[in-house]
Amino acid sequence: MNYQKYIEIRADKRFGRPCLKGTRISVYDVLNWLSNGMTKEEIMSDFEELTEERINACLAFAADKERRLKVAS
């Protein structure tokens, strides 16, 4: 998935945290809701600007960030 289509990092928005374009919702917010047991459907119901594609972009962003971490030796 090309998450860059949905996620931006701007110094003037949420202290430079990655956010969904056109919103103040951060990737962290979405991941936190999912990790606390909310379903995609519940999140989309609470936040009309979110779609399944945008939620998946947050997951893809996190997976890519994890993949890029270097293992300390």
N, C-alpha and C. Protein backbone atom coordinates (compact mmCIF):
# COMPACT_ATOMS: atom_id res chain seq x y z
N MET A 1 0.83 -1.18 0.00
CA MET A 1 0.00 0.00 0.00
C MET A 1 0.88 1.25 0.00
N ASN A 2 0.49 2.24 -0.74
CA ASN A 2 1.20 3.51 -0.79
C ASN A 2 0.62 4.44 0.28
N TYR A 3 1.11 4.30 1.51
CA TYR A 3 0.54 5.09 2.61
C TYR A 3 0.85 6.58 2.49
N GLN A 4 1.84 6.96 1.69
CA GLN A 4 2.16 8.37 1.52
C GLN A 4 0.99 9.16 0.94
N LYS A 5 0.10 8.46 0.27
CA LYS A 5 -1.09 9.09 -0.29
C LYS A 5 -2.02 9.60 0.81
N TYR A 6 -1.92 9.00 2.00
CA TYR A 6 -2.85 9.30 3.09
C TYR A 6 -2.20 9.97 4.30
N ILE A 7 -0.90 9.87 4.44
CA ILE A 7 -0.22 10.32 5.65
C ILE A 7 0.77 11.44 5.33
N GLU A 8 0.78 12.46 6.19
CA GLU A 8 1.72 13.55 6.03
C GLU A 8 2.36 13.87 7.38
N ILE A 9 3.54 14.44 7.32
CA ILE A 9 4.24 14.89 8.52
C ILE A 9 4.53 16.37 8.32
N ARG A 10 3.89 17.19 9.16
CA ARG A 10 4.07 18.64 9.08
C ARG A 10 4.45 19.16 10.47
N ALA A 11 5.44 20.01 10.51
CA ALA A 11 5.91 20.56 11.78
C ALA A 11 4.83 21.38 12.49
N ASP A 12 3.92 21.96 11.72
CA ASP A 12 2.88 22.81 12.32
C ASP A 12 1.62 22.04 12.72
N LYS A 13 1.64 20.73 12.60
CA LYS A 13 0.46 19.93 12.95
C LYS A 13 0.88 18.81 13.90
N ARG A 14 0.26 18.79 15.07
CA ARG A 14 0.48 17.75 16.09
C ARG A 14 1.97 17.54 16.36
N PHE A 15 2.73 18.64 16.43
CA PHE A 15 4.15 18.62 16.79
C PHE A 15 4.98 17.74 15.84
N GLY A 16 4.59 17.68 14.58
CA GLY A 16 5.35 16.93 13.60
C GLY A 16 5.10 15.44 13.59
N ARG A 17 4.06 15.01 14.29
CA ARG A 17 3.72 13.58 14.27
C ARG A 17 3.03 13.24 12.95
N PRO A 18 3.20 12.01 12.48
CA PRO A 18 2.51 11.60 11.25
C PRO A 18 1.00 11.62 11.46
N CYS A 19 0.30 12.32 10.58
CA CYS A 19 -1.16 12.45 10.66
C CYS A 19 -1.79 12.09 9.32
N LEU A 20 -3.06 11.76 9.38
CA LEU A 20 -3.82 11.52 8.16
C LEU A 20 -4.08 12.87 7.49
N LYS A 21 -3.83 12.95 6.21
CA LYS A 21 -3.99 14.20 5.47
C LYS A 21 -5.41 14.74 5.64
N GLY A 22 -5.48 16.05 5.84
CA GLY A 22 -6.77 16.72 5.96
C GLY A 22 -7.41 16.57 7.33
N THR A 23 -6.70 15.95 8.28
CA THR A 23 -7.22 15.78 9.63
C THR A 23 -6.13 16.11 10.64
N ARG A 24 -6.51 16.11 11.91
CA ARG A 24 -5.54 16.23 12.99
C ARG A 24 -5.42 14.88 13.70
N ILE A 25 -5.86 13.82 13.04
CA ILE A 25 -5.80 12.47 13.60
C ILE A 25 -4.44 11.88 13.28
N SER A 26 -3.70 11.52 14.34
CA SER A 26 -2.36 10.97 14.12
C SER A 26 -2.41 9.46 13.89
N VAL A 27 -1.34 8.96 13.29
CA VAL A 27 -1.20 7.52 13.11
C VAL A 27 -1.25 6.85 14.48
N TYR A 28 -0.59 7.47 15.46
CA TYR A 28 -0.59 6.92 16.83
C TYR A 28 -2.02 6.78 17.36
N ASP A 29 -2.86 7.79 17.13
CA ASP A 29 -4.26 7.71 17.60
C ASP A 29 -4.94 6.46 17.06
N VAL A 30 -4.82 6.25 15.76
CA VAL A 30 -5.48 5.11 15.11
C VAL A 30 -4.92 3.79 15.66
N LEU A 31 -3.60 3.69 15.75
CA LEU A 31 -2.99 2.46 16.27
C LEU A 31 -3.40 2.21 17.71
N ASN A 32 -3.50 3.27 18.50
CA ASN A 32 -3.90 3.14 19.89
C ASN A 32 -5.35 2.64 20.00
N TRP A 33 -6.23 3.18 19.18
CA TRP A 33 -7.63 2.72 19.20
C TRP A 33 -7.71 1.24 18.83
N LEU A 34 -6.98 0.84 17.81
CA LEU A 34 -6.99 -0.56 17.40
C LEU A 34 -6.41 -1.46 18.50
N SER A 35 -5.33 -1.02 19.12
CA SER A 35 -4.70 -1.85 20.15
C SER A 35 -5.54 -1.95 21.41
N ASN A 36 -6.45 -1.01 21.59
CA ASN A 36 -7.35 -1.05 22.74
C ASN A 36 -8.66 -1.77 22.43
N GLY A 37 -8.72 -2.40 21.26
CA GLY A 37 -9.85 -3.27 20.96
C GLY A 37 -10.93 -2.69 20.07
N MET A 38 -10.78 -1.44 19.65
CA MET A 38 -11.79 -0.90 18.75
C MET A 38 -11.66 -1.57 17.38
N THR A 39 -12.77 -1.81 16.76
CA THR A 39 -12.76 -2.36 15.41
C THR A 39 -12.65 -1.21 14.41
N LYS A 40 -12.29 -1.54 13.20
CA LYS A 40 -12.25 -0.52 12.15
C LYS A 40 -13.61 0.13 11.98
N GLU A 41 -14.65 -0.68 12.07
CA GLU A 41 -16.01 -0.17 11.92
C GLU A 41 -16.35 0.82 13.02
N GLU A 42 -15.95 0.53 14.26
CA GLU A 42 -16.21 1.45 15.37
C GLU A 42 -15.46 2.77 15.18
N ILE A 43 -14.22 2.68 14.74
CA ILE A 43 -13.42 3.88 14.51
C ILE A 43 -14.06 4.72 13.41
N MET A 44 -14.45 4.08 12.33
CA MET A 44 -15.07 4.81 11.21
C MET A 44 -16.40 5.42 11.62
N SER A 45 -17.11 4.77 12.52
CA SER A 45 -18.38 5.29 13.01
C SER A 45 -18.15 6.54 13.87
N ASP A 46 -17.09 6.53 14.67
CA ASP A 46 -16.79 7.66 15.55
C ASP A 46 -16.16 8.83 14.79
N PHE A 47 -15.44 8.55 13.72
CA PHE A 47 -14.73 9.58 12.96
C PHE A 47 -15.07 9.45 11.49
N GLU A 48 -16.03 10.23 11.04
CA GLU A 48 -16.55 10.11 9.68
C GLU A 48 -15.50 10.32 8.61
N GLU A 49 -14.42 11.07 8.93
CA GLU A 49 -13.40 11.33 7.93
C GLU A 49 -12.47 10.14 7.70
N LEU A 50 -12.60 9.11 8.53
CA LEU A 50 -11.76 7.93 8.38
C LEU A 50 -12.46 6.87 7.54
N THR A 51 -11.65 6.21 6.72
CA THR A 51 -12.13 5.11 5.90
C THR A 51 -11.26 3.89 6.21
N GLU A 52 -11.68 2.75 5.76
CA GLU A 52 -10.88 1.55 5.97
C GLU A 52 -9.52 1.70 5.30
N GLU A 53 -9.49 2.35 4.16
CA GLU A 53 -8.24 2.56 3.44
C GLU A 53 -7.28 3.44 4.25
N ARG A 54 -7.79 4.47 4.91
CA ARG A 54 -6.96 5.35 5.74
C ARG A 54 -6.44 4.60 6.97
N ILE A 55 -7.28 3.78 7.57
CA ILE A 55 -6.85 2.98 8.72
C ILE A 55 -5.75 2.01 8.29
N ASN A 56 -5.95 1.38 7.14
CA ASN A 56 -4.93 0.46 6.62
C ASN A 56 -3.63 1.19 6.32
N ALA A 57 -3.71 2.45 5.90
CA ALA A 57 -2.50 3.24 5.64
C ALA A 57 -1.72 3.44 6.94
N CYS A 58 -2.42 3.63 8.05
CA CYS A 58 -1.75 3.76 9.35
C CYS A 58 -1.03 2.46 9.71
N LEU A 59 -1.67 1.34 9.46
CA LEU A 59 -1.04 0.05 9.73
C LEU A 59 0.18 -0.16 8.83
N ALA A 60 0.06 0.21 7.56
CA ALA A 60 1.18 0.06 6.63
C ALA A 60 2.33 0.98 7.04
N PHE A 61 2.03 2.19 7.49
CA PHE A 61 3.06 3.12 7.95
C PHE A 61 3.81 2.52 9.13
N ALA A 62 3.07 1.97 10.09
CA ALA A 62 3.69 1.38 11.28
C ALA A 62 4.54 0.16 10.91
N ALA A 63 4.05 -0.66 9.99
CA ALA A 63 4.80 -1.84 9.56
C ALA A 63 6.09 -1.42 8.86
N ASP A 64 6.02 -0.38 8.04
CA ASP A 64 7.21 0.09 7.34
C ASP A 64 8.21 0.68 8.33
N LYS A 65 7.72 1.42 9.30
CA LYS A 65 8.61 1.99 10.32
C LYS A 65 9.29 0.88 11.11
N GLU A 66 8.56 -0.15 11.47
CA GLU A 66 9.11 -1.28 12.21
C GLU A 66 10.17 -1.99 11.37
N ARG A 67 9.91 -2.17 10.10
CA ARG A 67 10.85 -2.84 9.19
C ARG A 67 12.15 -2.06 9.10
N ARG A 68 12.08 -0.75 9.19
CA ARG A 68 13.26 0.09 9.05
C ARG A 68 14.10 0.19 10.33
N LEU A 69 13.56 -0.26 11.46
CA LEU A 69 14.33 -0.20 12.70
C LEU A 69 15.55 -1.10 12.58
N LYS A 70 16.65 -0.62 13.10
CA LYS A 70 17.87 -1.43 13.10
C LYS A 70 18.00 -2.13 14.44
N VAL A 71 18.37 -3.34 14.41
CA VAL A 71 18.55 -4.12 15.62
C VAL A 71 19.87 -3.70 16.26
N ALA A 72 19.79 -3.33 17.54
CA ALA A 72 21.02 -2.96 18.26
C ALA A 72 21.83 -4.20 18.56
N SER A 73 23.13 -4.12 18.29
CA SER A 73 23.95 -5.30 18.55
C SER A 73 24.86 -5.12 19.73
